[in-house]
Amino acid sequence: ISILIGMVTAVDMPTRQAFIVHMVEGKDDLSNAIVLNSSMV
């Protein structure tokens, strides 16, 4: 199960990171969005 979770994560992780810039509609608040994401983690 750990291997299977890792395989899904390999797709999820870069997609989620690249998706952030679309959710904040540009780069003005991108750094803040990335840091807040880290705060959530």
PDB file of all heavy atoms in Angstrom:
ATOM      1  N   ILE A   1       0.833  -1.207   0.000  1.00  0.00           N
ATOM      2  CA  ILE A   1       0.000   0.000   0.000  1.00  0.00           C
ATOM      3  C   ILE A   1       0.864   1.251   0.000  1.00  0.00           C
ATOM      4  O   ILE A   1       0.520   2.259  -0.646  1.00  0.00           O
ATOM      5  CB  ILE A   1      -0.972  -0.023   1.198  1.00  0.00           C
ATOM      6  CG1 ILE A   1      -2.009  -1.141   1.002  1.00  0.00           C
ATOM      7  CG2 ILE A   1      -1.674   1.325   1.364  1.00  0.00           C
ATOM      8  CD1 ILE A   1      -2.947  -1.347   2.169  1.00  0.00           C
ATOM      9  N   SER A   2       2.000   1.211   0.673  1.00  0.00           N
ATOM     10  CA  SER A   2       2.907   2.358   0.672  1.00  0.00           C
ATOM     11  C   SER A   2       3.426   2.648  -0.735  1.00  0.00           C
ATOM     12  O   SER A   2       3.517   3.809  -1.154  1.00  0.00           O
ATOM     13  CB  SER A   2       4.081   2.100   1.621  1.00  0.00           C
ATOM     14  OG  SER A   2       3.643   2.013   2.957  1.00  0.00           O
ATOM     15  N   ILE A   3       3.744   1.604  -1.487  1.00  0.00           N
ATOM     16  CA  ILE A   3       4.209   1.777  -2.873  1.00  0.00           C
ATOM     17  C   ILE A   3       3.108   2.404  -3.723  1.00  0.00           C
ATOM     18  O   ILE A   3       3.350   3.331  -4.512  1.00  0.00           O
ATOM     19  CB  ILE A   3       4.659   0.433  -3.464  1.00  0.00           C
ATOM     20  CG1 ILE A   3       5.949  -0.044  -2.795  1.00  0.00           C
ATOM     21  CG2 ILE A   3       4.870   0.545  -4.978  1.00  0.00           C
ATOM     22  CD1 ILE A   3       6.348  -1.461  -3.159  1.00  0.00           C
ATOM     23  N   LEU A   4       1.878   1.898  -3.581  1.00  0.00           N
ATOM     24  CA  LEU A   4       0.758   2.423  -4.367  1.00  0.00           C
ATOM     25  C   LEU A   4       0.473   3.882  -4.021  1.00  0.00           C
ATOM     26  O   LEU A   4       0.208   4.704  -4.915  1.00  0.00           O
ATOM     27  CB  LEU A   4      -0.486   1.558  -4.132  1.00  0.00           C
ATOM     28  CG  LEU A   4      -0.415   0.127  -4.666  1.00  0.00           C
ATOM     29  CD1 LEU A   4      -1.646  -0.665  -4.247  1.00  0.00           C
ATOM     30  CD2 LEU A   4      -0.282   0.123  -6.190  1.00  0.00           C
ATOM     31  N   ILE A   5       0.530   4.221  -2.736  1.00  0.00           N
ATOM     32  CA  ILE A   5       0.334   5.617  -2.327  1.00  0.00           C
ATOM     33  C   ILE A   5       1.434   6.496  -2.930  1.00  0.00           C
ATOM     34  O   ILE A   5       1.176   7.616  -3.398  1.00  0.00           O
ATOM     35  CB  ILE A   5       0.318   5.735  -0.791  1.00  0.00           C
ATOM     36  CG1 ILE A   5      -0.986   5.150  -0.230  1.00  0.00           C
ATOM     37  CG2 ILE A   5       0.476   7.193  -0.342  1.00  0.00           C
ATOM     38  CD1 ILE A   5      -1.067   5.122   1.280  1.00  0.00           C
ATOM     39  N   GLY A   6       2.662   5.993  -2.958  1.00  0.00           N
ATOM     40  CA  GLY A   6       3.762   6.733  -3.553  1.00  0.00           C
ATOM     41  C   GLY A   6       3.551   6.994  -5.038  1.00  0.00           C
ATOM     42  O   GLY A   6       3.869   8.072  -5.552  1.00  0.00           O
ATOM     43  N   MET A   7       2.980   6.015  -5.746  1.00  0.00           N
ATOM     44  CA  MET A   7       2.725   6.171  -7.179  1.00  0.00           C
ATOM     45  C   MET A   7       1.680   7.260  -7.429  1.00  0.00           C
ATOM     46  O   MET A   7       1.818   8.073  -8.344  1.00  0.00           O
ATOM     47  CB  MET A   7       2.267   4.838  -7.761  1.00  0.00           C
ATOM     48  CG  MET A   7       3.353   3.769  -7.771  1.00  0.00           C
ATOM     49  SD  MET A   7       2.750   2.131  -8.254  1.00  0.00           S
ATOM     50  CE  MET A   7       2.362   2.425  -9.987  1.00  0.00           C
ATOM     51  N   VAL A   8       0.646   7.285  -6.615  1.00  0.00           N
ATOM     52  CA  VAL A   8      -0.380   8.327  -6.755  1.00  0.00           C
ATOM     53  C   VAL A   8       0.198   9.696  -6.394  1.00  0.00           C
ATOM     54  O   VAL A   8      -0.072  10.698  -7.060  1.00  0.00           O
ATOM     55  CB  VAL A   8      -1.608   8.002  -5.876  1.00  0.00           C
ATOM     56  CG1 VAL A   8      -2.661   9.102  -6.005  1.00  0.00           C
ATOM     57  CG2 VAL A   8      -2.211   6.653  -6.259  1.00  0.00           C
ATOM     58  N   THR A   9       1.018   9.728  -5.359  1.00  0.00           N
ATOM     59  CA  THR A   9       1.643  10.989  -4.929  1.00  0.00           C
ATOM     60  C   THR A   9       2.515  11.575  -6.033  1.00  0.00           C
ATOM     61  O   THR A   9       2.617  12.801  -6.169  1.00  0.00           O
ATOM     62  CB  THR A   9       2.487  10.758  -3.662  1.00  0.00           C
ATOM     63  OG1 THR A   9       1.657  10.216  -2.633  1.00  0.00           O
ATOM     64  CG2 THR A   9       3.113  12.057  -3.164  1.00  0.00           C
ATOM     65  N   ALA A  10       3.136  10.716  -6.833  1.00  0.00           N
ATOM     66  CA  ALA A  10       4.004  11.174  -7.918  1.00  0.00           C
ATOM     67  C   ALA A  10       3.239  12.013  -8.943  1.00  0.00           C
ATOM     68  O   ALA A  10       3.829  12.869  -9.616  1.00  0.00           O
ATOM     69  CB  ALA A  10       4.650   9.977  -8.612  1.00  0.00           C
ATOM     70  N   VAL A  11       1.948  11.787  -9.059  1.00  0.00           N
ATOM     71  CA  VAL A  11       1.107  12.601  -9.938  1.00  0.00           C
ATOM     72  C   VAL A  11       0.485  13.770  -9.171  1.00  0.00           C
ATOM     73  O   VAL A  11       0.431  14.890  -9.664  1.00  0.00           O
ATOM     74  CB  VAL A  11      -0.006  11.739 -10.583  1.00  0.00           C
ATOM     75  CG1 VAL A  11      -0.913  12.600 -11.463  1.00  0.00           C
ATOM     76  CG2 VAL A  11       0.598  10.600 -11.395  1.00  0.00           C
ATOM     77  N   ASP A  12       0.053  13.503  -7.957  1.00  0.00           N
ATOM     78  CA  ASP A  12      -0.652  14.512  -7.160  1.00  0.00           C
ATOM     79  C   ASP A  12       0.240  15.693  -6.796  1.00  0.00           C
ATOM     80  O   ASP A  12      -0.192  16.854  -6.883  1.00  0.00           O
ATOM     81  CB  ASP A  12      -1.189  13.847  -5.886  1.00  0.00           C
ATOM     82  CG  ASP A  12      -1.943  14.812  -4.993  1.00  0.00           C
ATOM     83  OD1 ASP A  12      -3.152  15.006  -5.237  1.00  0.00           O
ATOM     84  OD2 ASP A  12      -1.335  15.375  -4.061  1.00  0.00           O
ATOM     85  N   MET A  13       1.471  15.435  -6.404  1.00  0.00           N
ATOM     86  CA  MET A  13       2.324  16.492  -5.852  1.00  0.00           C
ATOM     87  C   MET A  13       2.648  17.594  -6.858  1.00  0.00           C
ATOM     88  O   MET A  13       2.393  18.785  -6.578  1.00  0.00           O
ATOM     89  CB  MET A  13       3.604  15.882  -5.275  1.00  0.00           C
ATOM     90  CG  MET A  13       4.469  16.877  -4.528  1.00  0.00           C
ATOM     91  SD  MET A  13       5.909  16.104  -3.768  1.00  0.00           S
ATOM     92  CE  MET A  13       5.132  15.167  -2.452  1.00  0.00           C
ATOM     93  N   PRO A  14       3.180  17.281  -8.058  1.00  0.00           N
ATOM     94  CA  PRO A  14       3.463  18.383  -8.993  1.00  0.00           C
ATOM     95  C   PRO A  14       2.196  19.058  -9.497  1.00  0.00           C
ATOM     96  O   PRO A  14       2.201  20.263  -9.782  1.00  0.00           O
ATOM     97  CB  PRO A  14       4.207  17.686 -10.138  1.00  0.00           C
ATOM     98  CG  PRO A  14       3.818  16.256 -10.056  1.00  0.00           C
ATOM     99  CD  PRO A  14       3.608  15.989  -8.586  1.00  0.00           C
ATOM    100  N   THR A  15       1.105  18.294  -9.604  1.00  0.00           N
ATOM    101  CA  THR A  15      -0.159  18.890 -10.058  1.00  0.00           C
ATOM    102  C   THR A  15      -0.660  19.902  -9.044  1.00  0.00           C
ATOM    103  O   THR A  15      -1.084  21.015  -9.398  1.00  0.00           O
ATOM    104  CB  THR A  15      -1.221  17.793 -10.262  1.00  0.00           C
ATOM    105  OG1 THR A  15      -0.715  16.798 -11.155  1.00  0.00           O
ATOM    106  CG2 THR A  15      -2.494  18.376 -10.849  1.00  0.00           C
ATOM    107  N   ARG A  16      -0.616  19.542  -7.774  1.00  0.00           N
ATOM    108  CA  ARG A  16      -1.088  20.434  -6.715  1.00  0.00           C
ATOM    109  C   ARG A  16      -0.221  21.690  -6.635  1.00  0.00           C
ATOM    110  O   ARG A  16      -0.732  22.804  -6.462  1.00  0.00           O
ATOM    111  CB  ARG A  16      -1.080  19.679  -5.376  1.00  0.00           C
ATOM    112  CG  ARG A  16      -1.871  20.325  -4.281  1.00  0.00           C
ATOM    113  CD  ARG A  16      -2.297  19.347  -3.200  1.00  0.00           C
ATOM    114  NE  ARG A  16      -1.502  18.144  -3.126  1.00  0.00           N
ATOM    115  CZ  ARG A  16      -0.418  18.013  -2.385  1.00  0.00           C
ATOM    116  NH1 ARG A  16       0.012  19.031  -1.676  1.00  0.00           N
ATOM    117  NH2 ARG A  16       0.235  16.855  -2.361  1.00  0.00           N
ATOM    118  N   GLN A  17       1.097  21.511  -6.757  1.00  0.00           N
ATOM    119  CA  GLN A  17       1.992  22.672  -6.700  1.00  0.00           C
ATOM    120  C   GLN A  17       1.739  23.620  -7.870  1.00  0.00           C
ATOM    121  O   GLN A  17       1.684  24.845  -7.698  1.00  0.00           O
ATOM    122  CB  GLN A  17       3.451  22.200  -6.717  1.00  0.00           C
ATOM    123  CG  GLN A  17       3.881  21.421  -5.492  1.00  0.00           C
ATOM    124  CD  GLN A  17       4.061  22.300  -4.268  1.00  0.00           C
ATOM    125  OE1 GLN A  17       4.085  23.518  -4.384  1.00  0.00           O
ATOM    126  NE2 GLN A  17       4.167  21.688  -3.109  1.00  0.00           N
ATOM    127  N   ALA A  18       1.582  23.059  -9.071  1.00  0.00           N
ATOM    128  CA  ALA A  18       1.357  23.892 -10.257  1.00  0.00           C
ATOM    129  C   ALA A  18      -0.027  24.520 -10.263  1.00  0.00           C
ATOM    130  O   ALA A  18      -0.252  25.542 -10.921  1.00  0.00           O
ATOM    131  CB  ALA A  18       1.559  23.055 -11.521  1.00  0.00           C
ATOM    132  N   PHE A  19      -0.976  23.919  -9.553  1.00  0.00           N
ATOM    133  CA  PHE A  19      -2.353  24.410  -9.519  1.00  0.00           C
ATOM    134  C   PHE A  19      -2.490  25.678  -8.687  1.00  0.00           C
ATOM    135  O   PHE A  19      -3.395  26.490  -8.910  1.00  0.00           O
ATOM    136  CB  PHE A  19      -3.262  23.305  -8.949  1.00  0.00           C
ATOM    137  CG  PHE A  19      -4.736  23.550  -9.134  1.00  0.00           C
ATOM    138  CD1 PHE A  19      -5.234  24.164 -10.270  1.00  0.00           C
ATOM    139  CD2 PHE A  19      -5.640  23.142  -8.163  1.00  0.00           C
ATOM    140  CE1 PHE A  19      -6.591  24.376 -10.447  1.00  0.00           C
ATOM    141  CE2 PHE A  19      -7.006  23.350  -8.324  1.00  0.00           C
ATOM    142  CZ  PHE A  19      -7.487  23.965  -9.463  1.00  0.00           C
ATOM    143  N   ILE A  20      -1.584  25.882  -7.733  1.00  0.00           N
ATOM    144  CA  ILE A  20      -1.689  27.035  -6.826  1.00  0.00           C
ATOM    145  C   ILE A  20      -1.697  28.346  -7.589  1.00  0.00           C
ATOM    146  O   ILE A  20      -2.481  29.254  -7.289  1.00  0.00           O
ATOM    147  CB  ILE A  20      -0.543  27.008  -5.786  1.00  0.00           C
ATOM    148  CG1 ILE A  20      -0.747  25.857  -4.796  1.00  0.00           C
ATOM    149  CG2 ILE A  20      -0.478  28.336  -5.027  1.00  0.00           C
ATOM    150  CD1 ILE A  20       0.359  25.716  -3.771  1.00  0.00           C
ATOM    151  N   VAL A  21      -0.839  28.476  -8.604  1.00  0.00           N
ATOM    152  CA  VAL A  21      -0.743  29.740  -9.336  1.00  0.00           C
ATOM    153  C   VAL A  21      -2.051  30.065 -10.047  1.00  0.00           C
ATOM    154  O   VAL A  21      -2.411  31.235 -10.224  1.00  0.00           O
ATOM    155  CB  VAL A  21       0.434  29.714 -10.338  1.00  0.00           C
ATOM    156  CG1 VAL A  21       0.135  28.798 -11.511  1.00  0.00           C
ATOM    157  CG2 VAL A  21       0.766  31.125 -10.822  1.00  0.00           C
ATOM    158  N   HIS A  22      -2.820  29.057 -10.439  1.00  0.00           N
ATOM    159  CA  HIS A  22      -4.114  29.297 -11.083  1.00  0.00           C
ATOM    160  C   HIS A  22      -5.167  29.733 -10.071  1.00  0.00           C
ATOM    161  O   HIS A  22      -6.051  30.528 -10.390  1.00  0.00           O
ATOM    162  CB  HIS A  22      -4.581  28.024 -11.794  1.00  0.00           C
ATOM    163  CG  HIS A  22      -3.693  27.589 -12.913  1.00  0.00           C
ATOM    164  ND1 HIS A  22      -3.731  28.170 -14.163  1.00  0.00           N
ATOM    165  CD2 HIS A  22      -2.725  26.641 -12.974  1.00  0.00           C
ATOM    166  CE1 HIS A  22      -2.832  27.604 -14.952  1.00  0.00           C
ATOM    167  NE2 HIS A  22      -2.210  26.668 -14.250  1.00  0.00           N
ATOM    168  N   MET A  23      -5.068  29.225  -8.865  1.00  0.00           N
ATOM    169  CA  MET A  23      -6.070  29.552  -7.846  1.00  0.00           C
ATOM    170  C   MET A  23      -5.914  30.963  -7.296  1.00  0.00           C
ATOM    171  O   MET A  23      -6.873  31.556  -6.817  1.00  0.00           O
ATOM    172  CB  MET A  23      -6.018  28.532  -6.700  1.00  0.00           C
ATOM    173  CG  MET A  23      -6.571  27.171  -7.084  1.00  0.00           C
ATOM    174  SD  MET A  23      -6.720  26.064  -5.662  1.00  0.00           S
ATOM    175  CE  MET A  23      -4.999  25.676  -5.364  1.00  0.00           C
ATOM    176  N   VAL A  24      -4.695  31.517  -7.358  1.00  0.00           N
ATOM    177  CA  VAL A  24      -4.503  32.883  -6.872  1.00  0.00           C
ATOM    178  C   VAL A  24      -4.471  33.888  -8.019  1.00  0.00           C
ATOM    179  O   VAL A  24      -4.187  35.068  -7.815  1.00  0.00           O
ATOM    180  CB  VAL A  24      -3.204  33.016  -6.029  1.00  0.00           C
ATOM    181  CG1 VAL A  24      -3.292  32.174  -4.783  1.00  0.00           C
ATOM    182  CG2 VAL A  24      -1.974  32.649  -6.845  1.00  0.00           C
ATOM    183  N   GLU A  25      -4.757  33.398  -9.231  1.00  0.00           N
ATOM    184  CA  GLU A  25      -4.934  34.262 -10.406  1.00  0.00           C
ATOM    185  C   GLU A  25      -3.726  35.171 -10.649  1.00  0.00           C
ATOM    186  O   GLU A  25      -3.845  36.394 -10.697  1.00  0.00           O
ATOM    187  CB  GLU A  25      -6.214  35.098 -10.248  1.00  0.00           C
ATOM    188  CG  GLU A  25      -7.469  34.248 -10.086  1.00  0.00           C
ATOM    189  CD  GLU A  25      -8.648  35.050  -9.566  1.00  0.00           C
ATOM    190  OE1 GLU A  25      -8.548  36.288  -9.559  1.00  0.00           O
ATOM    191  OE2 GLU A  25      -9.639  34.431  -9.158  1.00  0.00           O
ATOM    192  N   GLY A  26      -2.582  34.582 -10.785  1.00  0.00           N
ATOM    193  CA  GLY A  26      -1.372  35.350 -11.051  1.00  0.00           C
ATOM    194  C   GLY A  26      -0.340  35.187  -9.953  1.00  0.00           C
ATOM    195  O   GLY A  26      -0.523  34.441  -9.014  1.00  0.00           O
ATOM    196  N   LYS A  27       0.752  35.944 -10.094  1.00  0.00           N
ATOM    197  CA  LYS A  27       1.890  35.755  -9.192  1.00  0.00           C
ATOM    198  C   LYS A  27       1.960  36.753  -8.040  1.00  0.00           C
ATOM    199  O   LYS A  27       2.813  36.613  -7.167  1.00  0.00           O
ATOM    200  CB  LYS A  27       3.198  35.835  -9.985  1.00  0.00           C
ATOM    201  CG  LYS A  27       3.467  34.605 -10.845  1.00  0.00           C
ATOM    202  CD  LYS A  27       4.852  34.673 -11.447  1.00  0.00           C
ATOM    203  CE  LYS A  27       5.194  33.394 -12.205  1.00  0.00           C
ATOM    204  NZ  LYS A  27       6.547  33.441 -12.777  1.00  0.00           N
ATOM    205  N   ASP A  28       1.075  37.744  -8.005  1.00  0.00           N
ATOM    206  CA  ASP A  28       1.187  38.769  -6.970  1.00  0.00           C
ATOM    207  C   ASP A  28       1.111  38.180  -5.568  1.00  0.00           C
ATOM    208  O   ASP A  28       1.825  38.605  -4.658  1.00  0.00           O
ATOM    209  CB  ASP A  28       0.078  39.815  -7.149  1.00  0.00           C
ATOM    210  CG  ASP A  28       0.305  40.694  -8.373  1.00  0.00           C
ATOM    211  OD1 ASP A  28       1.441  40.672  -8.895  1.00  0.00           O
ATOM    212  OD2 ASP A  28      -0.626  41.379  -8.807  1.00  0.00           O
ATOM    213  N   ASP A  29       0.220  37.206  -5.387  1.00  0.00           N
ATOM    214  CA  ASP A  29       0.053  36.591  -4.068  1.00  0.00           C
ATOM    215  C   ASP A  29       0.537  35.144  -4.044  1.00  0.00           C
ATOM    216  O   ASP A  29       0.192  34.389  -3.134  1.00  0.00           O
ATOM    217  CB  ASP A  29      -1.426  36.651  -3.647  1.00  0.00           C
ATOM    218  CG  ASP A  29      -1.912  38.074  -3.443  1.00  0.00           C
ATOM    219  OD1 ASP A  29      -1.131  38.882  -2.904  1.00  0.00           O
ATOM    220  OD2 ASP A  29      -3.049  38.383  -3.832  1.00  0.00           O
ATOM    221  N   LEU A  30       1.334  34.768  -5.064  1.00  0.00           N
ATOM    222  CA  LEU A  30       1.785  33.378  -5.155  1.00  0.00           C
ATOM    223  C   LEU A  30       2.656  32.989  -3.972  1.00  0.00           C
ATOM    224  O   LEU A  30       2.474  31.920  -3.382  1.00  0.00           O
ATOM    225  CB  LEU A  30       2.556  33.156  -6.466  1.00  0.00           C
ATOM    226  CG  LEU A  30       3.163  31.757  -6.671  1.00  0.00           C
ATOM    227  CD1 LEU A  30       2.076  30.692  -6.664  1.00  0.00           C
ATOM    228  CD2 LEU A  30       3.965  31.713  -7.970  1.00  0.00           C
ATOM    229  N   SER A  31       3.615  33.845  -3.604  1.00  0.00           N
ATOM    230  CA  SER A  31       4.507  33.493  -2.496  1.00  0.00           C
ATOM    231  C   SER A  31       3.717  33.320  -1.209  1.00  0.00           C
ATOM    232  O   SER A  31       3.985  32.403  -0.414  1.00  0.00           O
ATOM    233  CB  SER A  31       5.592  34.557  -2.318  1.00  0.00           C
ATOM    234  OG  SER A  31       5.010  35.813  -1.998  1.00  0.00           O
ATOM    235  N   ASN A  32       2.711  34.180  -0.989  1.00  0.00           N
ATOM    236  CA  ASN A  32       1.896  34.068   0.206  1.00  0.00           C
ATOM    237  C   ASN A  32       1.076  32.779   0.191  1.00  0.00           C
ATOM    238  O   ASN A  32       0.931  32.111   1.223  1.00  0.00           O
ATOM    239  CB  ASN A  32       0.962  35.281   0.321  1.00  0.00           C
ATOM    240  CG  ASN A  32       0.169  35.288   1.605  1.00  0.00           C
ATOM    241  OD1 ASN A  32      -1.033  35.049   1.598  1.00  0.00           O
ATOM    242  ND2 ASN A  32       0.827  35.557   2.723  1.00  0.00           N
ATOM    243  N   ALA A  33       0.558  32.403  -0.980  1.00  0.00           N
ATOM    244  CA  ALA A  33      -0.225  31.168  -1.098  1.00  0.00           C
ATOM    245  C   ALA A  33       0.634  29.945  -0.798  1.00  0.00           C
ATOM    246  O   ALA A  33       0.199  29.012  -0.119  1.00  0.00           O
ATOM    247  CB  ALA A  33      -0.827  31.059  -2.500  1.00  0.00           C
ATOM    248  N   ILE A  34       1.881  29.944  -1.299  1.00  0.00           N
ATOM    249  CA  ILE A  34       2.782  28.814  -1.060  1.00  0.00           C
ATOM    250  C   ILE A  34       3.114  28.709   0.424  1.00  0.00           C
ATOM    251  O   ILE A  34       3.106  27.619   1.008  1.00  0.00           O
ATOM    252  CB  ILE A  34       4.078  28.976  -1.888  1.00  0.00           C
ATOM    253  CG1 ILE A  34       3.758  28.819  -3.384  1.00  0.00           C
ATOM    254  CG2 ILE A  34       5.131  27.952  -1.469  1.00  0.00           C
ATOM    255  CD1 ILE A  34       4.909  29.185  -4.289  1.00  0.00           C
ATOM    256  N   VAL A  35       3.364  29.862   1.056  1.00  0.00           N
ATOM    257  CA  VAL A  35       3.695  29.857   2.480  1.00  0.00           C
ATOM    258  C   VAL A  35       2.492  29.436   3.325  1.00  0.00           C
ATOM    259  O   VAL A  35       2.625  28.676   4.287  1.00  0.00           O
ATOM    260  CB  VAL A  35       4.206  31.249   2.911  1.00  0.00           C
ATOM    261  CG1 VAL A  35       4.298  31.337   4.422  1.00  0.00           C
ATOM    262  CG2 VAL A  35       5.580  31.521   2.291  1.00  0.00           C
ATOM    263  N   LEU A  36       1.293  29.907   2.961  1.00  0.00           N
ATOM    264  CA  LEU A  36       0.093  29.505   3.698  1.00  0.00           C
ATOM    265  C   LEU A  36      -0.168  28.013   3.532  1.00  0.00           C
ATOM    266  O   LEU A  36      -0.638  27.349   4.458  1.00  0.00           O
ATOM    267  CB  LEU A  36      -1.115  30.310   3.225  1.00  0.00           C
ATOM    268  CG  LEU A  36      -1.153  31.782   3.626  1.00  0.00           C
ATOM    269  CD1 LEU A  36      -2.444  32.435   3.145  1.00  0.00           C
ATOM    270  CD2 LEU A  36      -1.016  31.948   5.135  1.00  0.00           C
ATOM    271  N   ASN A  37       0.149  27.493   2.348  1.00  0.00           N
ATOM    272  CA  ASN A  37       0.028  26.048   2.140  1.00  0.00           C
ATOM    273  C   ASN A  37       0.969  25.302   3.077  1.00  0.00           C
ATOM    274  O   ASN A  37       0.606  24.287   3.676  1.00  0.00           O
ATOM    275  CB  ASN A  37       0.337  25.701   0.683  1.00  0.00           C
ATOM    276  CG  ASN A  37      -0.030  24.275   0.337  1.00  0.00           C
ATOM    277  OD1 ASN A  37      -1.193  23.895   0.393  1.00  0.00           O
ATOM    278  ND2 ASN A  37       0.968  23.478  -0.001  1.00  0.00           N
ATOM    279  N   SER A  38       2.181  25.836   3.225  1.00  0.00           N
ATOM    280  CA  SER A  38       3.134  25.250   4.162  1.00  0.00           C
ATOM    281  C   SER A  38       2.623  25.375   5.593  1.00  0.00           C
ATOM    282  O   SER A  38       2.798  24.454   6.408  1.00  0.00           O
ATOM    283  CB  SER A  38       4.492  25.948   4.028  1.00  0.00           C
ATOM    284  OG  SER A  38       5.415  25.443   4.965  1.00  0.00           O
ATOM    285  N   SER A  39       1.970  26.501   5.907  1.00  0.00           N
ATOM    286  CA  SER A  39       1.407  26.690   7.249  1.00  0.00           C
ATOM    287  C   SER A  39       0.349  25.635   7.542  1.00  0.00           C
ATOM    288  O   SER A  39       0.269  25.113   8.659  1.00  0.00           O
ATOM    289  CB  SER A  39       0.773  28.077   7.383  1.00  0.00           C
ATOM    290  OG  SER A  39       1.731  29.083   7.207  1.00  0.00           O
ATOM    291  N   MET A  40      -0.467  25.317   6.521  1.00  0.00           N
ATOM    292  CA  MET A  40      -1.491  24.287   6.702  1.00  0.00           C
ATOM    293  C   MET A  40      -0.862  22.930   6.976  1.00  0.00           C
ATOM    294  O   MET A  40      -1.302  22.193   7.864  1.00  0.00           O
ATOM    295  CB  MET A  40      -2.379  24.198   5.463  1.00  0.00           C
ATOM    296  CG  MET A  40      -3.353  25.332   5.299  1.00  0.00           C
ATOM    297  SD  MET A  40      -4.578  24.976   4.029  1.00  0.00           S
ATOM    298  CE  MET A  40      -3.549  24.834   2.573  1.00  0.00           C
ATOM    299  N   VAL A  41       0.181  22.615   6.204  1.00  0.00           N
ATOM    300  CA  VAL A  41       0.870  21.335   6.398  1.00  0.00           C
ATOM    301  C   VAL A  41       1.398  21.236   7.817  1.00  0.00           C
ATOM    302  O   VAL A  41       1.254  20.203   8.492  1.00  0.00           O
ATOM    303  CB  VAL A  41       2.022  21.175   5.383  1.00  0.00           C
ATOM    304  CG1 VAL A  41       2.856  19.940   5.704  1.00  0.00           C
ATOM    305  CG2 VAL A  41       1.472  21.084   3.966  1.00  0.00           C
TER     306      VAL A  41
END
